[in-house]
Protein backbone atom coordinates (compact mmCIF):
# COMPACT_ATOMS: atom_id res chain seq x y z
CA MET A 1 0.00 0.00 0.00
CA LYS A 2 1.38 3.30 -1.12
CA MET A 3 0.62 6.63 0.58
CA ASN A 4 0.10 9.76 -1.40
CA MET A 5 2.52 12.34 0.13
CA GLN A 6 1.61 15.21 -2.14
CA ILE A 7 0.41 18.39 -0.44
CA ASP A 8 -2.23 20.46 -2.10
CA VAL A 9 -1.17 24.12 -1.80
CA LYS A 10 -4.76 25.40 -2.05
CA ASP A 11 -5.86 23.35 0.96
CA LEU A 12 -2.78 24.51 2.87
CA GLY A 13 -3.62 28.14 2.00
CA LYS A 14 -7.16 27.67 3.33
CA PHE A 15 -5.76 26.22 6.55
CA PHE A 16 -3.36 29.12 7.10
CA ASP A 17 -5.83 31.82 6.05
CA LEU A 18 -5.38 34.56 8.68
CA LYS A 19 -8.94 35.84 8.44
CA ASN A 20 -10.37 32.38 8.97
CA LEU A 21 -7.81 31.57 11.68
CA GLY A 22 -8.62 34.84 13.52
CA ARG A 23 -12.34 34.16 13.30
CA ASN A 24 -11.85 30.65 14.69
CA LEU A 25 -9.66 31.88 17.54
CA ALA A 26 -12.10 34.67 18.43
CA GLY A 27 -14.99 32.20 18.45
CA PHE A 28 -13.04 29.85 20.70
CA PHE A 29 -12.17 32.62 23.18
CA PHE A 30 -15.74 33.96 23.27
CA LYS A 31 -17.05 30.47 23.97
CA LYS A 32 -14.54 29.97 26.79
CA LEU A 33 -14.64 33.55 28.14
CA GLN A 34 -16.21 32.62 31.50
CA PHE A 35 -13.61 29.92 32.03
CA PHE A 36 -10.75 32.31 31.24
CA ALA A 37 -12.24 34.99 33.51
CA LEU A 38 -12.52 32.45 36.33
CA ILE A 39 -8.91 31.38 35.83
CA LEU A 40 -7.79 35.04 35.80
CA ILE A 41 -9.67 35.79 39.04
CA PHE A 42 -8.27 32.67 40.70
CA LEU A 43 -4.69 33.48 39.68
CA SER A 44 -5.11 37.09 40.83
CA ALA A 45 -6.39 35.90 44.20
CA LEU A 46 -3.44 33.54 44.56
CA PHE A 47 -1.03 36.34 43.75
CA LEU A 48 -2.66 38.67 46.30
CA VAL A 49 -2.55 35.97 48.98
CA PHE A 50 1.14 35.47 48.18
CA LEU A 51 1.79 39.22 48.56
CA TRP A 52 -0.20 39.37 51.80
CA TYR A 53 1.68 36.41 53.23
CA ASN A 54 5.06 37.90 52.34
CA PHE A 55 4.30 41.34 53.73
CA ILE A 56 2.62 40.16 56.93
CA PHE A 57 4.27 36.92 57.95
CA ASN A 58 7.64 37.13 56.23
CA SER A 59 8.43 40.74 57.01
CA ASP A 60 12.12 41.42 57.40
CA TRP A 61 11.77 43.94 60.25
CA ASN A 62 13.68 43.03 63.35
CA GLU A 63 12.84 44.22 66.86
CA ALA A 64 15.25 47.17 66.67
CA ARG A 65 13.62 48.48 63.49
CA VAL A 66 10.13 48.06 64.96
CA LYS A 67 11.14 50.02 68.08
CA GLU A 68 12.74 52.71 65.93
CA TYR A 69 9.56 53.04 63.86
CA THR A 70 7.27 53.27 66.88
CA GLN A 71 9.57 55.81 68.54
CA ALA A 72 9.61 57.95 65.38
CA LYS A 73 5.81 57.86 65.20
CA GLN A 74 5.50 58.81 68.87
CA ASN A 75 7.94 61.70 68.52
CA LYS A 76 6.28 63.05 65.41
CA ASN A 77 3.30 65.15 66.47
CA GLU A 78 1.15 65.58 63.40
CA ALA A 79 -1.99 66.49 65.30
CA ILE A 80 -1.54 68.98 68.11
CA PHE A 81 -4.23 68.85 70.77
CA ASN A 82 -5.61 72.33 71.41
CA ARG A 83 -7.19 72.33 74.85
CA GLY A 84 -8.91 75.70 74.35
CA ASN A 85 -10.75 74.59 71.19
CA PHE A 86 -11.70 71.33 72.86
CA ASP A 87 -13.22 73.11 75.88
CA LYS A 88 -15.09 75.51 73.55
CA ILE A 89 -16.64 72.62 71.62
CA ILE A 90 -17.63 70.85 74.86
CA GLU A 91 -19.34 74.03 76.12
CA GLU A 92 -21.25 74.43 72.82
CA SER A 93 -22.32 70.79 72.98
CA ASN A 94 -23.57 71.18 76.56
CA ALA A 95 -25.46 74.36 75.62
CA ARG A 96 -27.17 72.56 72.74
CA ARG A 97 -28.09 69.65 75.01
CA VAL A 98 -29.63 72.00 77.55
CA GLU A 99 -31.54 73.80 74.76
CA PHE A 100 -32.92 70.52 73.40
CA GLU A 101 -33.95 69.29 76.87
CA LYS A 102 -36.16 72.33 77.54
CA PRO A 103 -39.88 71.61 77.44
CA LEU A 104 -41.70 72.96 74.42
CA ASP A 105 -44.29 75.64 75.27
CA ASN A 106 -46.70 77.67 73.17
CA LEU A 107 -46.32 75.61 70.02
CA GLU A 108 -48.45 76.57 67.07
CA ASP A 109 -50.69 73.76 65.87
CA ILE A 110 -49.62 73.59 62.23
CA PHE A 111 -52.18 70.91 61.41
CA ARG A 112 -55.06 72.86 63.00
CA LEU A 113 -56.19 69.86 65.02
CA ASN A 114 -57.01 71.76 68.21
CA LYS A 115 -59.59 74.44 67.50
């Protein structure tokens, strides 16, 4: 039995037709889009867990660096507590509370229920 090893160039041209090949690839990816999105989300989650693990559990800060950082944060006063402003706000709050606790007298009946 003899095999015919001749290649038809027209059939080969149809196979390697870029327009047809692009259409077939696009159809394949659109059919499998949910699967690829799921794989992408899963791989992204794995990468984020890897980053989280490295930054939290495998941090390379030693005790001296941690103490230095906390000391620098304690020495740096970004927010200055102003006692005068604080007392003023407390007084305004107490005045409002007293005003709201007063009984209401001589209210006008806006719905005209009591004639």
